[in-house]
Each structure stands twice: as structure tokens, then as C-alpha cells.
Amino acid sequence: MRNQPIPPKLREALAARVDYYRELGIHDFYRREVTGTLPVMSLGAEEAERVETPKEEIDPAQQLREIRLDLGDCTRCPLHTMGRRQIVFGTGNPKAELMFAGEAPGADEDQQGEPFVGRAGQLLNNMISAMGLKRADVYIANVIKCRPPGNRTPLPEECNTCSPFLLRQIDAIQPRVLVALGAVAAHTLLGVTDSMASLRGHWYQVRGVSLAVTYHPAYLLRNPAAKKDAWQDLRMVMKRLGLEPPAKKAD
């Protein structure tokens, strides 16, 4: 007997479950030969919600709260033993059309519990304002939720452990555009090690969301000449979102 076709909604749920396991580092799946009719599969609560609940009825704010609860007082990697004060989850509009993903919290973020509140955060605020938006209009998060000691670059194993929570944040918000700030965010989200120069100026797809790459604000503070290139990247984002920069005030 020929196998029955899998209904589209069930196929989407199965694909989502495979993505979930891949995020956990499980890549090997084995298929048993099917005999007779296709069995009726029982979906878990998460898959059932994806199948039965229209996207517009899912509350992203509630999803983010659930992700934060799952994260808990995270001890999944050694960073929790290296002097962090608190977990820095994310902040902003849960229904944002524009989302920024950075690298990791710094000292100011670790103290205040909110991403991008130090000098780099002030520059990011200015960048958002130059786009004609307010910080409250966007959502901001990091790949890593705990401050690495001495603000060092996160290690690959730390990114692999923590990044599934960022992916879940992206899934909950489903912004029209996601901007990866810096090499760590770009490499983690895209699964590549290409240079920033080669990654900038192009569109990518991550979790069904359009992704652009630009420099991290901390890099721009050290290299002010690169601000011109970063503005070009933001103009590309603005065009995708249909935004125009605010008119300059007359002197």
C-alpha cells in the first residue's frame, strides 16, 4: 500500500521539531520502513500550538516570558561561574518589525540587566534614532545572555549553548528584519566564518526572517571611520522596511 501524504500542517510541525533538535546539536535521524497505513502521530503541546493556532493569535510577549522562564538562572555553560551578576535576556517591543542581535552583555549591561545600555548602547540608540525610530519600537537581544569575564569574545561552545534562546526569541517576535551586530552575531546566526566585509551589503534568511549584517557599535566607537559603512547598512534596512530618515531640523 502506498504511503499516505503528510498533511501540510503536520509537515510544518515535524520540520519545526527537526529544527529544534538540530539547535540542540542532534543531527542524525533514522527512518524506519513504514508498512501499511501511515500511523497517526501524536503532537506535543508545542507542535499542536503551531498547527492549530494562527500566527496572529499567538502572543509574542507571552512567548518571550515563557522563553525567559525556560532560561531560568542558567547554569548551562561555565559563564555562570565567571562573575556574572545576572542574565541579560532582551528588551523592547515584542511585536517589533526590526530586531537587533548583538554579541554579549558588557559591564553596564550585567549591572542593569538590559542589553546595550553602556557607551555602545548609546551609539545604538543614536543609530536607531537616525533611522526615524525609537528604542521602544525595536527589540534588542544578544547571542550570549551572560557577561563573559573581562568582556572577552564569547567562545564557540558558549555561543552554541546559548544561541537556541536567541533563535526562540526571533521565532516569537518574527520581525520583518533582523540586524546582526558584529561578527559573533553574524557568524552564529548564519553558521559561517566569513569576514564582515564579505557579509555586509547582502540579505540572508534566518528562521524565515530577512537578516542584514553590520558592525557592532563597540567596533564603531573604536573605528569611527566605519560609521559611514554602518549607515549604508542601515539605509539598506530602512529601504526594506519602507522607512525614511527624519528631516533635519533647520538651524
Protein backbone atom coordinates (compact mmCIF):
# COMPACT_ATOMS: atom_id res chain seq x y z
CA MET A 1 0.00 0.00 0.00
CA ARG A 2 1.32 3.40 -0.89
CA ASN A 3 2.16 5.79 1.93
CA GLN A 4 -0.40 8.47 2.58
CA PRO A 5 0.81 12.07 2.08
CA ILE A 6 1.61 14.02 5.22
CA PRO A 7 -0.79 16.94 5.76
CA PRO A 8 0.92 20.35 5.29
CA LYS A 9 0.38 21.48 8.90
CA LEU A 10 1.78 18.24 10.27
CA ARG A 11 4.74 18.54 7.89
CA GLU A 12 5.43 22.05 9.27
CA ALA A 13 5.27 20.74 12.82
CA LEU A 14 7.68 17.92 12.05
CA ALA A 15 10.09 20.35 10.37
CA ALA A 16 9.94 22.60 13.43
CA ARG A 17 10.75 19.65 15.68
CA VAL A 18 13.73 18.69 13.49
CA ASP A 19 14.99 22.29 13.68
CA TYR A 20 14.64 22.15 17.46
CA TYR A 21 16.78 19.01 17.71
CA ARG A 22 19.39 20.48 15.37
CA GLU A 23 19.64 23.51 17.64
CA LEU A 24 20.47 21.09 20.44
CA GLY A 25 23.25 19.58 18.33
CA ILE A 26 21.35 16.45 17.27
CA HIS A 27 21.80 15.97 13.54
CA ASP A 28 21.43 12.20 12.98
CA PHE A 29 17.92 10.86 12.39
CA TYR A 30 16.95 7.36 11.44
CA ARG A 31 13.89 6.35 9.44
CA ARG A 32 12.20 3.03 9.89
CA GLU A 33 10.47 1.43 6.94
CA VAL A 34 6.76 2.14 7.01
CA THR A 35 4.41 -0.74 6.32
CA GLY A 36 0.68 -0.47 5.93
CA THR A 37 -1.05 2.84 6.50
CA LEU A 38 0.68 5.90 7.84
CA PRO A 39 0.27 5.96 11.63
CA VAL A 40 -1.49 8.82 13.32
CA MET A 41 1.16 10.85 15.11
CA SER A 42 0.58 12.49 18.46
CA LEU A 43 1.95 16.02 18.63
CA GLY A 44 3.34 17.59 21.75
CA ALA A 45 1.81 20.78 23.11
CA GLU A 46 4.35 22.98 21.33
CA GLU A 47 3.71 21.38 17.93
CA ALA A 48 -0.05 21.36 18.46
CA GLU A 49 0.02 25.09 19.13
CA ARG A 50 1.98 25.70 15.94
CA VAL A 51 -0.51 23.63 13.93
CA GLU A 52 -3.78 24.81 15.44
CA THR A 53 -3.15 28.41 16.44
CA PRO A 54 -2.96 31.05 13.69
CA LYS A 55 0.19 33.16 13.95
CA GLU A 56 -1.74 36.37 14.51
CA GLU A 57 -3.34 34.87 17.63
CA ILE A 58 -0.04 33.93 19.28
CA ASP A 59 1.06 36.50 21.86
CA PRO A 60 4.79 37.14 21.35
CA ALA A 61 5.08 38.82 24.76
CA GLN A 62 3.81 35.64 26.42
CA GLN A 63 6.18 33.55 24.30
CA LEU A 64 9.10 35.70 25.42
CA ARG A 65 8.07 35.29 29.06
CA GLU A 66 8.00 31.54 28.60
CA ILE A 67 11.45 31.56 26.98
CA ARG A 68 12.77 33.59 29.90
CA LEU A 69 11.29 31.10 32.34
CA ASP A 70 12.92 28.25 30.44
CA LEU A 71 16.25 30.06 30.58
CA GLY A 72 15.91 30.40 34.35
CA ASP A 73 19.04 31.13 36.39
CA CYS A 74 21.02 29.49 33.63
CA THR A 75 23.92 27.17 34.50
CA ARG A 76 24.22 25.51 31.09
CA CYS A 77 27.75 26.78 30.42
CA PRO A 78 30.66 27.84 32.67
CA LEU A 79 29.88 31.56 32.32
CA HIS A 80 27.61 31.37 35.35
CA THR A 81 30.71 30.66 37.46
CA MET A 82 32.79 33.53 36.00
CA GLY A 83 31.43 36.55 37.82
CA ARG A 84 28.20 37.40 36.06
CA ARG A 85 25.75 39.44 38.13
CA GLN A 86 22.61 38.46 36.26
CA ILE A 87 21.22 37.15 33.00
CA VAL A 88 20.58 39.81 30.34
CA PHE A 89 17.68 38.46 28.31
CA GLY A 90 16.43 41.13 25.91
CA THR A 91 14.29 44.24 25.79
CA GLY A 92 11.95 46.13 23.53
CA ASN A 93 8.76 45.74 21.56
CA PRO A 94 7.71 42.06 21.35
CA LYS A 95 5.88 42.88 18.10
CA ALA A 96 8.80 44.81 16.61
CA GLU A 97 9.35 44.84 12.86
CA LEU A 98 13.06 45.43 13.45
CA MET A 99 15.26 43.39 15.79
CA PHE A 100 18.94 43.78 16.65
CA ALA A 101 21.11 40.89 17.83
CA GLY A 102 24.46 41.66 19.39
CA GLU A 103 27.26 39.65 20.94
CA ALA A 104 27.09 39.58 24.74
CA PRO A 105 26.46 41.86 27.73
CA GLY A 106 29.21 44.14 29.00
CA ALA A 107 29.77 45.51 32.47
CA ASP A 108 26.95 48.08 32.31
CA GLU A 109 24.52 45.56 30.89
CA ASP A 110 25.47 42.99 33.52
CA GLN A 111 24.78 45.56 36.23
CA GLN A 112 21.49 46.86 34.85
CA GLY A 113 20.14 43.63 33.34
CA GLU A 114 19.37 45.20 29.95
CA PRO A 115 21.30 44.88 26.66
CA PHE A 116 23.10 47.84 25.10
CA VAL A 117 22.92 50.40 27.91
CA GLY A 118 26.61 51.41 28.03
CA ARG A 119 28.56 53.56 25.55
CA ALA A 120 27.90 51.11 22.72
CA GLY A 121 24.23 51.16 23.67
CA GLN A 122 24.10 54.93 23.47
CA LEU A 123 25.54 54.76 19.98
CA LEU A 124 22.99 52.10 19.03
CA ASN A 125 20.25 54.40 20.33
CA ASN A 126 21.58 57.14 18.05
CA MET A 127 21.64 54.73 15.12
CA ILE A 128 18.02 53.75 15.78
CA SER A 129 17.03 57.42 16.07
CA ALA A 130 18.77 58.19 12.76
CA MET A 131 16.50 55.58 11.17
CA GLY A 132 13.46 57.52 12.39
CA LEU A 133 12.65 55.02 15.14
CA LYS A 134 12.77 54.90 18.92
CA ARG A 135 14.43 52.26 21.04
CA ALA A 136 10.98 51.24 22.27
CA ASP A 137 9.99 50.44 18.66
CA VAL A 138 12.59 47.69 18.21
CA TYR A 139 13.68 44.58 20.07
CA ILE A 140 17.29 44.14 21.21
CA ALA A 141 18.98 40.94 22.38
CA ASN A 142 22.35 39.19 22.37
CA VAL A 143 23.63 35.77 21.37
CA ILE A 144 25.06 35.34 24.88
CA LYS A 145 22.92 36.18 27.90
CA CYS A 146 25.75 36.35 30.48
CA ARG A 147 28.74 38.69 30.55
CA PRO A 148 31.99 36.93 29.60
CA PRO A 149 34.81 37.77 32.04
CA GLY A 150 36.65 40.93 31.06
CA ASN A 151 34.21 41.41 28.18
CA ARG A 152 36.16 38.87 26.15
CA THR A 153 34.77 37.45 22.92
CA PRO A 154 32.37 34.57 23.60
CA LEU A 155 33.75 31.11 22.92
CA PRO A 156 32.14 28.92 20.23
CA GLU A 157 30.84 26.46 22.81
CA GLU A 158 29.22 29.32 24.74
CA CYS A 159 27.53 30.57 21.58
CA ASN A 160 26.33 27.06 20.72
CA THR A 161 24.86 26.63 24.20
CA CYS A 162 23.12 30.00 24.41
CA SER A 163 22.11 30.74 20.82
CA PRO A 164 19.00 28.49 20.84
CA PHE A 165 17.39 31.02 23.20
CA LEU A 166 18.10 33.84 20.73
CA LEU A 167 16.60 31.73 17.95
CA ARG A 168 13.48 31.23 20.06
CA GLN A 169 13.29 34.99 20.63
CA ILE A 170 13.44 35.50 16.88
CA ASP A 171 10.71 32.90 16.39
CA ALA A 172 8.50 34.62 18.96
CA ILE A 173 8.91 38.14 17.59
CA GLN A 174 9.12 37.28 13.88
CA PRO A 175 10.43 40.72 12.89
CA ARG A 176 10.47 41.77 9.27
CA VAL A 177 14.20 42.48 9.54
CA LEU A 178 16.90 41.20 11.89
CA VAL A 179 20.23 43.03 12.08
CA ALA A 180 23.27 41.10 13.27
CA LEU A 181 25.60 43.49 15.08
CA GLY A 182 29.18 42.32 14.68
CA ALA A 183 30.99 39.17 13.69
CA VAL A 184 29.95 36.95 16.62
CA ALA A 185 26.24 37.51 15.97
CA ALA A 186 26.64 37.18 12.21
CA HIS A 187 28.72 34.01 12.39
CA THR A 188 26.42 32.40 14.96
CA LEU A 189 23.19 33.18 13.12
CA LEU A 190 24.50 32.33 9.66
CA GLY A 191 26.76 29.41 10.60
CA VAL A 192 29.71 30.87 8.66
CA THR A 193 33.10 32.39 9.41
CA ASP A 194 33.28 34.88 6.54
CA SER A 195 34.71 38.34 7.06
CA MET A 196 32.46 41.26 7.91
CA ALA A 197 33.48 42.89 4.65
CA SER A 198 32.08 39.96 2.67
CA LEU A 199 28.93 39.58 4.79
CA ARG A 200 27.83 43.20 4.74
CA GLY A 201 25.61 44.55 1.99
CA HIS A 202 23.67 41.32 1.40
CA TRP A 203 20.36 39.87 2.55
CA TYR A 204 20.12 36.48 4.25
CA GLN A 205 17.27 34.37 5.61
CA VAL A 206 17.30 33.14 9.21
CA ARG A 207 14.21 31.48 10.72
CA GLY A 208 12.15 32.94 7.89
CA VAL A 209 13.36 36.47 8.71
CA SER A 210 15.41 38.78 6.46
CA LEU A 211 18.82 39.34 8.05
CA ALA A 212 21.38 42.06 7.39
CA VAL A 213 24.88 42.35 8.87
CA THR A 214 26.59 45.47 10.14
CA TYR A 215 29.32 46.47 12.57
CA HIS A 216 28.87 46.24 16.32
CA PRO A 217 28.52 49.69 17.93
CA ALA A 218 31.54 48.93 20.15
CA TYR A 219 33.60 48.47 16.99
CA LEU A 220 32.32 51.78 15.66
CA LEU A 221 33.43 53.52 18.85
CA ARG A 222 36.96 52.21 18.25
CA ASN A 223 36.81 52.85 14.50
CA PRO A 224 34.70 55.97 13.84
CA ALA A 225 35.56 55.90 10.13
CA ALA A 226 33.41 52.76 9.78
CA LYS A 227 30.27 54.64 10.81
CA LYS A 228 29.75 55.62 7.17
CA ASP A 229 29.66 51.96 6.16
CA ALA A 230 27.32 51.13 9.03
CA TRP A 231 24.94 53.87 7.88
CA GLN A 232 24.90 52.33 4.42
CA ASP A 233 23.87 49.04 6.02
CA LEU A 234 21.10 50.76 7.97
CA ARG A 235 19.88 52.53 4.83
CA MET A 236 19.55 49.10 3.21
CA VAL A 237 17.46 48.00 6.20
CA MET A 238 15.35 51.15 6.05
CA LYS A 239 14.60 50.56 2.39
CA ARG A 240 13.40 47.03 3.19
CA LEU A 241 11.17 48.44 5.96
CA GLY A 242 9.94 51.41 3.92
CA LEU A 243 11.46 53.94 6.32
CA GLU A 244 12.74 57.42 5.58
CA PRO A 245 15.26 59.20 7.84
CA PRO A 246 13.76 62.07 9.85
CA ALA A 247 14.13 65.51 8.35
CA LYS A 248 16.98 67.55 9.78
CA LYS A 249 15.93 70.47 11.93
CA ALA A 250 16.63 73.89 10.49
CA ASP A 251 19.31 75.90 12.29
